[in-house]
């Protein structure tokens, strides 16, 4: 039986490369994106179905889940990849509105999508959820590497990724029948960082692909990059 996989923010960067690689492994990859033109163009390049999905819009998320239900009846893998960088201002100059906007996509968007697709994931024999987090959300790595350069690690973005990793752990405990893990792609060259990253998108998606293909008895509640466990 073909594995049905949905990836949010799959029209570019890590999402597109993960979609391409998982499709090569035989998955039916549903390319989800909020921009219809870009999303459909990416889906066409992959010869995959396009699913309009804005993670900040509850109605859009529900409509996407309804479409997947009507077309496939289940979902085997959900990759919550969509995210935004947000402002690069110091945290003491950020407004609550600034923080809320980034949280709305990077954290609440994951809640909206995950909860909407849970019934479809429960219909799978081996459901997996991969939340694309970041090493910038790690307390240990931040201190060890002195990641305080605002241009490289926007503080609001980092805070949302810390929260996302904790959210992943909460889902893993709440959903023992599913494999729910957080992926740290590492510093990968994408438009999110103006292509300053030192890794290729293939290297950045190694851990996403790994977690998207874990067996039903595989790890859950982990926070990993392509080299292994990420310290909290």
C-alpha atoms as a PDB file:
ATOM      1  CA  UNK A   1       0.000   0.000   0.000  1.00  0.00           C
ATOM      2  CA  UNK A   2       1.335   3.400  -0.967  1.00  0.00           C
ATOM      3  CA  UNK A   3       2.361   5.726   1.862  1.00  0.00           C
ATOM      4  CA  UNK A   4       0.325   8.953   1.796  1.00  0.00           C
ATOM      5  CA  UNK A   5       2.423  11.903   2.962  1.00  0.00           C
ATOM      6  CA  UNK A   6       1.443  15.554   3.335  1.00  0.00           C
ATOM      7  CA  UNK A   7       4.082  18.269   3.687  1.00  0.00           C
ATOM      8  CA  UNK A   8       3.193  21.848   4.575  1.00  0.00           C
ATOM      9  CA  UNK A   9       5.230  24.625   2.979  1.00  0.00           C
ATOM     10  CA  UNK A  10       6.290  22.143   0.310  1.00  0.00           C
ATOM     11  CA  UNK A  11       6.606  24.597  -2.551  1.00  0.00           C
ATOM     12  CA  UNK A  12      10.251  25.471  -1.845  1.00  0.00           C
ATOM     13  CA  UNK A  13      13.351  24.849   0.266  1.00  0.00           C
ATOM     14  CA  UNK A  14      13.342  22.001   2.742  1.00  0.00           C
ATOM     15  CA  UNK A  15       9.704  21.202   2.091  1.00  0.00           C
ATOM     16  CA  UNK A  16      10.178  20.799  -1.645  1.00  0.00           C
ATOM     17  CA  UNK A  17      13.336  18.722  -1.286  1.00  0.00           C
ATOM     18  CA  UNK A  18      11.719  16.481   1.320  1.00  0.00           C
ATOM     19  CA  UNK A  19       8.763  16.028  -1.027  1.00  0.00           C
ATOM     20  CA  UNK A  20      11.059  15.141  -3.911  1.00  0.00           C
ATOM     21  CA  UNK A  21      13.023  12.601  -1.882  1.00  0.00           C
ATOM     22  CA  UNK A  22      10.001  10.939  -0.311  1.00  0.00           C
ATOM     23  CA  UNK A  23       8.354  10.703  -3.704  1.00  0.00           C
ATOM     24  CA  UNK A  24      11.486   8.925  -4.940  1.00  0.00           C
ATOM     25  CA  UNK A  25      10.994   6.448  -2.092  1.00  0.00           C
ATOM     26  CA  UNK A  26       7.522   5.678  -3.401  1.00  0.00           C
ATOM     27  CA  UNK A  27       5.361   7.940  -1.239  1.00  0.00           C
ATOM     28  CA  UNK A  28       2.332   9.670  -2.657  1.00  0.00           C
ATOM     29  CA  UNK A  29       3.336  13.169  -1.598  1.00  0.00           C
ATOM     30  CA  UNK A  30       0.689  15.850  -1.183  1.00  0.00           C
ATOM     31  CA  UNK A  31       2.290  19.233  -1.765  1.00  0.00           C
ATOM     32  CA  UNK A  32       0.632  21.667   0.632  1.00  0.00           C
ATOM     33  CA  UNK A  33       1.262  25.403   0.365  1.00  0.00           C
ATOM     34  CA  UNK A  34      -0.596  28.626   1.045  1.00  0.00           C
ATOM     35  CA  UNK A  35       0.231  30.307  -2.279  1.00  0.00           C
ATOM     36  CA  UNK A  36      -1.841  28.617  -5.019  1.00  0.00           C
ATOM     37  CA  UNK A  37       0.395  29.574  -7.939  1.00  0.00           C
ATOM     38  CA  UNK A  38       3.685  28.590  -6.329  1.00  0.00           C
ATOM     39  CA  UNK A  39       2.225  25.511  -4.726  1.00  0.00           C
ATOM     40  CA  UNK A  40       0.692  24.231  -7.934  1.00  0.00           C
ATOM     41  CA  UNK A  41       3.917  24.930  -9.864  1.00  0.00           C
ATOM     42  CA  UNK A  42       5.931  22.939  -7.314  1.00  0.00           C
ATOM     43  CA  UNK A  43       3.424  20.101  -7.371  1.00  0.00           C
ATOM     44  CA  UNK A  44       3.570  20.022 -11.170  1.00  0.00           C
ATOM     45  CA  UNK A  45       7.359  19.771 -11.053  1.00  0.00           C
ATOM     46  CA  UNK A  46       7.037  16.769  -8.753  1.00  0.00           C
ATOM     47  CA  UNK A  47       4.054  15.311 -10.604  1.00  0.00           C
ATOM     48  CA  UNK A  48       2.242  15.299  -7.256  1.00  0.00           C
ATOM     49  CA  UNK A  49      -1.174  16.508  -6.045  1.00  0.00           C
ATOM     50  CA  UNK A  50      -1.399  20.072  -4.769  1.00  0.00           C
ATOM     51  CA  UNK A  51      -3.320  20.872  -1.600  1.00  0.00           C
ATOM     52  CA  UNK A  52      -4.044  24.559  -0.858  1.00  0.00           C
ATOM     53  CA  UNK A  53      -3.312  24.988   2.843  1.00  0.00           C
ATOM     54  CA  UNK A  54      -2.607  28.092   4.908  1.00  0.00           C
ATOM     55  CA  UNK A  55      -1.566  26.947   8.376  1.00  0.00           C
ATOM     56  CA  UNK A  56      -2.731  30.244   9.895  1.00  0.00           C
ATOM     57  CA  UNK A  57      -6.289  29.807   8.570  1.00  0.00           C
ATOM     58  CA  UNK A  58      -8.515  27.298  10.388  1.00  0.00           C
ATOM     59  CA  UNK A  59     -10.934  27.125   7.468  1.00  0.00           C
ATOM     60  CA  UNK A  60      -8.147  26.438   4.988  1.00  0.00           C
ATOM     61  CA  UNK A  61      -6.762  23.663   7.195  1.00  0.00           C
ATOM     62  CA  UNK A  62     -10.183  22.014   7.596  1.00  0.00           C
ATOM     63  CA  UNK A  63     -10.847  22.201   3.872  1.00  0.00           C
ATOM     64  CA  UNK A  64      -7.492  20.557   3.171  1.00  0.00           C
ATOM     65  CA  UNK A  65      -8.209  17.758   5.655  1.00  0.00           C
ATOM     66  CA  UNK A  66     -11.642  17.198   4.094  1.00  0.00           C
ATOM     67  CA  UNK A  67     -10.083  16.949   0.641  1.00  0.00           C
ATOM     68  CA  UNK A  68      -7.507  14.385   1.771  1.00  0.00           C
ATOM     69  CA  UNK A  69     -10.261  12.407   3.517  1.00  0.00           C
ATOM     70  CA  UNK A  70     -12.430  12.341   0.408  1.00  0.00           C
ATOM     71  CA  UNK A  71      -9.522  11.430  -1.888  1.00  0.00           C
ATOM     72  CA  UNK A  72      -7.475   8.996   0.211  1.00  0.00           C
ATOM     73  CA  UNK A  73      -9.357   8.211   3.415  1.00  0.00           C
ATOM     74  CA  UNK A  74      -6.206   8.326   5.522  1.00  0.00           C
ATOM     75  CA  UNK A  75      -2.836  10.009   6.027  1.00  0.00           C
ATOM     76  CA  UNK A  76       0.312   8.062   6.899  1.00  0.00           C
ATOM     77  CA  UNK A  77       2.849  10.851   7.322  1.00  0.00           C
ATOM     78  CA  UNK A  78       2.385  14.502   8.253  1.00  0.00           C
ATOM     79  CA  UNK A  79       5.400  16.788   7.925  1.00  0.00           C
ATOM     80  CA  UNK A  80       4.772  20.138   9.606  1.00  0.00           C
ATOM     81  CA  UNK A  81       7.373  22.116   7.710  1.00  0.00           C
ATOM     82  CA  UNK A  82       5.762  25.520   7.070  1.00  0.00           C
ATOM     83  CA  UNK A  83       7.448  28.291   9.020  1.00  0.00           C
ATOM     84  CA  UNK A  84       8.503  31.930   8.937  1.00  0.00           C
ATOM     85  CA  UNK A  85      11.576  33.687  10.268  1.00  0.00           C
ATOM     86  CA  UNK A  86       9.961  36.795  11.700  1.00  0.00           C
ATOM     87  CA  UNK A  87      11.706  40.006  12.781  1.00  0.00           C
ATOM     88  CA  UNK A  88      15.442  40.141  13.427  1.00  0.00           C
ATOM     89  CA  UNK A  89      15.094  42.903  16.023  1.00  0.00           C
ATOM     90  CA  UNK A  90      16.370  42.413  19.593  1.00  0.00           C
ATOM     91  CA  UNK A  91      13.781  40.781  21.824  1.00  0.00           C
ATOM     92  CA  UNK A  92      13.488  43.917  23.958  1.00  0.00           C
ATOM     93  CA  UNK A  93      12.416  45.830  20.856  1.00  0.00           C
ATOM     94  CA  UNK A  94       9.972  43.239  19.514  1.00  0.00           C
ATOM     95  CA  UNK A  95       6.294  43.877  20.034  1.00  0.00           C
ATOM     96  CA  UNK A  96       3.744  41.371  21.223  1.00  0.00           C
ATOM     97  CA  UNK A  97       2.257  41.570  17.732  1.00  0.00           C
ATOM     98  CA  UNK A  98       5.627  40.578  16.248  1.00  0.00           C
ATOM     99  CA  UNK A  99       5.841  37.548  18.525  1.00  0.00           C
ATOM    100  CA  UNK A 100       2.224  36.553  17.968  1.00  0.00           C
ATOM    101  CA  UNK A 101       2.639  36.582  14.181  1.00  0.00           C
ATOM    102  CA  UNK A 102       5.564  34.154  14.259  1.00  0.00           C
ATOM    103  CA  UNK A 103       3.904  31.936  16.853  1.00  0.00           C
ATOM    104  CA  UNK A 104       0.762  31.843  14.724  1.00  0.00           C
ATOM    105  CA  UNK A 105       2.637  30.107  11.908  1.00  0.00           C
ATOM    106  CA  UNK A 106       5.439  28.212  13.640  1.00  0.00           C
ATOM    107  CA  UNK A 107       3.519  26.883  16.646  1.00  0.00           C
ATOM    108  CA  UNK A 108      -0.227  27.398  16.347  1.00  0.00           C
ATOM    109  CA  UNK A 109      -0.087  26.384  12.701  1.00  0.00           C
ATOM    110  CA  UNK A 110       1.262  22.997  13.782  1.00  0.00           C
ATOM    111  CA  UNK A 111      -1.561  22.630  16.302  1.00  0.00           C
ATOM    112  CA  UNK A 112      -4.200  23.511  13.695  1.00  0.00           C
ATOM    113  CA  UNK A 113      -2.841  21.130  11.075  1.00  0.00           C
ATOM    114  CA  UNK A 114      -2.012  18.252  13.409  1.00  0.00           C
ATOM    115  CA  UNK A 115      -5.368  18.279  15.170  1.00  0.00           C
ATOM    116  CA  UNK A 116      -7.299  18.563  11.907  1.00  0.00           C
ATOM    117  CA  UNK A 117      -5.466  15.599  10.395  1.00  0.00           C
ATOM    118  CA  UNK A 118      -5.473  13.356  13.489  1.00  0.00           C
ATOM    119  CA  UNK A 119      -8.568  11.402  12.395  1.00  0.00           C
ATOM    120  CA  UNK A 120      -6.851  10.627   9.090  1.00  0.00           C
ATOM    121  CA  UNK A 121      -3.600   9.684  10.815  1.00  0.00           C
ATOM    122  CA  UNK A 122      -5.517   7.369  13.142  1.00  0.00           C
ATOM    123  CA  UNK A 123      -6.771   5.553  10.034  1.00  0.00           C
ATOM    124  CA  UNK A 124      -3.170   4.683   9.119  1.00  0.00           C
ATOM    125  CA  UNK A 125      -1.418   1.461  10.109  1.00  0.00           C
ATOM    126  CA  UNK A 126       1.784   3.364  10.881  1.00  0.00           C
ATOM    127  CA  UNK A 127       1.156   7.080  11.417  1.00  0.00           C
ATOM    128  CA  UNK A 128       4.115   9.442  11.691  1.00  0.00           C
ATOM    129  CA  UNK A 129       4.326  13.156  12.448  1.00  0.00           C
ATOM    130  CA  UNK A 130       7.501  15.117  11.765  1.00  0.00           C
ATOM    131  CA  UNK A 131       7.709  18.646  13.143  1.00  0.00           C
ATOM    132  CA  UNK A 132      10.477  20.669  11.539  1.00  0.00           C
ATOM    133  CA  UNK A 133      12.028  22.454  14.488  1.00  0.00           C
ATOM    134  CA  UNK A 134      15.515  23.962  14.739  1.00  0.00           C
ATOM    135  CA  UNK A 135      18.703  23.685  16.751  1.00  0.00           C
ATOM    136  CA  UNK A 136      18.272  27.387  17.475  1.00  0.00           C
ATOM    137  CA  UNK A 137      15.511  26.332  19.860  1.00  0.00           C
ATOM    138  CA  UNK A 138      17.956  24.326  21.966  1.00  0.00           C
ATOM    139  CA  UNK A 139      19.008  25.974  25.245  1.00  0.00           C
ATOM    140  CA  UNK A 140      22.219  23.942  25.299  1.00  0.00           C
ATOM    141  CA  UNK A 141      23.324  24.685  21.740  1.00  0.00           C
ATOM    142  CA  UNK A 142      22.465  28.364  22.088  1.00  0.00           C
ATOM    143  CA  UNK A 143      24.715  28.706  25.137  1.00  0.00           C
ATOM    144  CA  UNK A 144      27.484  26.463  23.805  1.00  0.00           C
ATOM    145  CA  UNK A 145      27.684  28.291  20.483  1.00  0.00           C
ATOM    146  CA  UNK A 146      26.787  31.799  21.715  1.00  0.00           C
ATOM    147  CA  UNK A 147      24.025  32.071  19.146  1.00  0.00           C
ATOM    148  CA  UNK A 148      23.172  35.691  19.890  1.00  0.00           C
ATOM    149  CA  UNK A 149      23.797  37.201  16.443  1.00  0.00           C
ATOM    150  CA  UNK A 150      20.382  38.561  15.492  1.00  0.00           C
ATOM    151  CA  UNK A 151      21.119  38.239  11.792  1.00  0.00           C
ATOM    152  CA  UNK A 152      21.755  34.504  12.164  1.00  0.00           C
ATOM    153  CA  UNK A 153      19.333  33.576  14.939  1.00  0.00           C
ATOM    154  CA  UNK A 154      16.300  35.878  15.180  1.00  0.00           C
ATOM    155  CA  UNK A 155      15.212  35.597  18.826  1.00  0.00           C
ATOM    156  CA  UNK A 156      11.472  35.358  18.192  1.00  0.00           C
ATOM    157  CA  UNK A 157      12.041  32.574  15.666  1.00  0.00           C
ATOM    158  CA  UNK A 158      14.224  30.685  18.154  1.00  0.00           C
ATOM    159  CA  UNK A 159      11.586  31.003  20.877  1.00  0.00           C
ATOM    160  CA  UNK A 160       8.922  29.527  18.593  1.00  0.00           C
ATOM    161  CA  UNK A 161      11.151  26.560  17.783  1.00  0.00           C
ATOM    162  CA  UNK A 162      11.788  25.906  21.476  1.00  0.00           C
ATOM    163  CA  UNK A 163       8.033  25.837  21.967  1.00  0.00           C
ATOM    164  CA  UNK A 164       7.554  23.590  18.930  1.00  0.00           C
ATOM    165  CA  UNK A 165       9.966  20.994  20.272  1.00  0.00           C
ATOM    166  CA  UNK A 166       8.125  20.895  23.598  1.00  0.00           C
ATOM    167  CA  UNK A 167       4.830  20.659  21.704  1.00  0.00           C
ATOM    168  CA  UNK A 168       6.240  17.660  19.827  1.00  0.00           C
ATOM    169  CA  UNK A 169       7.047  15.914  23.093  1.00  0.00           C
ATOM    170  CA  UNK A 170       3.538  16.598  24.360  1.00  0.00           C
ATOM    171  CA  UNK A 171       2.008  15.099  21.210  1.00  0.00           C
ATOM    172  CA  UNK A 172       4.278  12.063  21.457  1.00  0.00           C
ATOM    173  CA  UNK A 173       3.003  11.331  24.967  1.00  0.00           C
ATOM    174  CA  UNK A 174      -0.616  12.043  24.048  1.00  0.00           C
ATOM    175  CA  UNK A 175      -0.445   9.842  20.929  1.00  0.00           C
ATOM    176  CA  UNK A 176       1.451   6.672  21.913  1.00  0.00           C
ATOM    177  CA  UNK A 177       0.222   4.869  18.798  1.00  0.00           C
ATOM    178  CA  UNK A 178       1.991   7.372  16.534  1.00  0.00           C
ATOM    179  CA  UNK A 179       5.641   8.233  15.959  1.00  0.00           C
ATOM    180  CA  UNK A 180       5.945  11.966  16.664  1.00  0.00           C
ATOM    181  CA  UNK A 181       9.378  13.553  16.405  1.00  0.00           C
ATOM    182  CA  UNK A 182      11.089  16.922  16.016  1.00  0.00           C
ATOM    183  CA  UNK A 183      13.646  17.382  13.239  1.00  0.00           C
ATOM    184  CA  UNK A 184      16.487  19.893  13.375  1.00  0.00           C
ATOM    185  CA  UNK A 185      17.572  20.331   9.735  1.00  0.00           C
ATOM    186  CA  UNK A 186      20.677  22.283  10.713  1.00  0.00           C
ATOM    187  CA  UNK A 187      21.846  25.515   9.123  1.00  0.00           C
ATOM    188  CA  UNK A 188      20.692  24.895   5.584  1.00  0.00           C
ATOM    189  CA  UNK A 189      20.887  27.278   2.649  1.00  0.00           C
ATOM    190  CA  UNK A 190      17.286  28.336   1.981  1.00  0.00           C
ATOM    191  CA  UNK A 191      15.520  31.630   1.390  1.00  0.00           C
ATOM    192  CA  UNK A 192      14.625  31.658   5.102  1.00  0.00           C
ATOM    193  CA  UNK A 193      18.230  32.689   5.837  1.00  0.00           C
ATOM    194  CA  UNK A 194      18.954  34.329   2.472  1.00  0.00           C
ATOM    195  CA  UNK A 195      20.890  31.181   1.516  1.00  0.00           C
ATOM    196  CA  UNK A 196      23.582  31.799   4.141  1.00  0.00           C
ATOM    197  CA  UNK A 197      23.348  28.258   5.476  1.00  0.00           C
ATOM    198  CA  UNK A 198      26.341  25.961   5.103  1.00  0.00           C
ATOM    199  CA  UNK A 199      24.360  22.790   4.341  1.00  0.00           C
ATOM    200  CA  UNK A 200      22.657  21.769   1.114  1.00  0.00           C
ATOM    201  CA  UNK A 201      18.919  21.153   1.122  1.00  0.00           C
ATOM    202  CA  UNK A 202      19.653  17.454   0.703  1.00  0.00           C
ATOM    203  CA  UNK A 203      21.724  17.465   3.891  1.00  0.00           C
ATOM    204  CA  UNK A 204      19.046  19.511   5.614  1.00  0.00           C
ATOM    205  CA  UNK A 205      16.334  17.028   4.698  1.00  0.00           C
ATOM    206  CA  UNK A 206      18.266  13.919   5.740  1.00  0.00           C
ATOM    207  CA  UNK A 207      16.672  13.923   9.189  1.00  0.00           C
ATOM    208  CA  UNK A 208      13.207  14.798   7.857  1.00  0.00           C
ATOM    209  CA  UNK A 209      13.289  11.834   5.483  1.00  0.00           C
ATOM    210  CA  UNK A 210      14.628   9.595   8.246  1.00  0.00           C
ATOM    211  CA  UNK A 211      11.817  10.492  10.638  1.00  0.00           C
ATOM    212  CA  UNK A 212       9.184  10.312   7.914  1.00  0.00           C
ATOM    213  CA  UNK A 213      10.151   6.700   7.256  1.00  0.00           C
ATOM    214  CA  UNK A 214      10.575   5.283  10.772  1.00  0.00           C
ATOM    215  CA  UNK A 215       8.800   1.949  11.348  1.00  0.00           C
ATOM    216  CA  UNK A 216       5.703   1.657  13.578  1.00  0.00           C
ATOM    217  CA  UNK A 217       7.930   0.622  16.495  1.00  0.00           C
ATOM    218  CA  UNK A 218      10.493   3.337  15.795  1.00  0.00           C
ATOM    219  CA  UNK A 219      11.483   6.248  18.038  1.00  0.00           C
ATOM    220  CA  UNK A 220       8.980   8.820  19.215  1.00  0.00           C
ATOM    221  CA  UNK A 221       9.318  11.986  21.266  1.00  0.00           C
ATOM    222  CA  UNK A 222      12.846  12.641  19.983  1.00  0.00           C
ATOM    223  CA  UNK A 223      14.625  15.842  18.945  1.00  0.00           C
ATOM    224  CA  UNK A 224      17.268  14.952  16.379  1.00  0.00           C
ATOM    225  CA  UNK A 225      19.405  16.217  13.510  1.00  0.00           C
ATOM    226  CA  UNK A 226      21.244  14.205  10.876  1.00  0.00           C
ATOM    227  CA  UNK A 227      24.065  13.510  13.314  1.00  0.00           C
ATOM    228  CA  UNK A 228      21.898  12.273  16.195  1.00  0.00           C
ATOM    229  CA  UNK A 229      20.149  13.604  19.282  1.00  0.00           C
ATOM    230  CA  UNK A 230      19.991  17.365  19.829  1.00  0.00           C
ATOM    231  CA  UNK A 231      20.538  18.460  23.451  1.00  0.00           C
ATOM    232  CA  UNK A 232      17.680  20.353  25.061  1.00  0.00           C
END
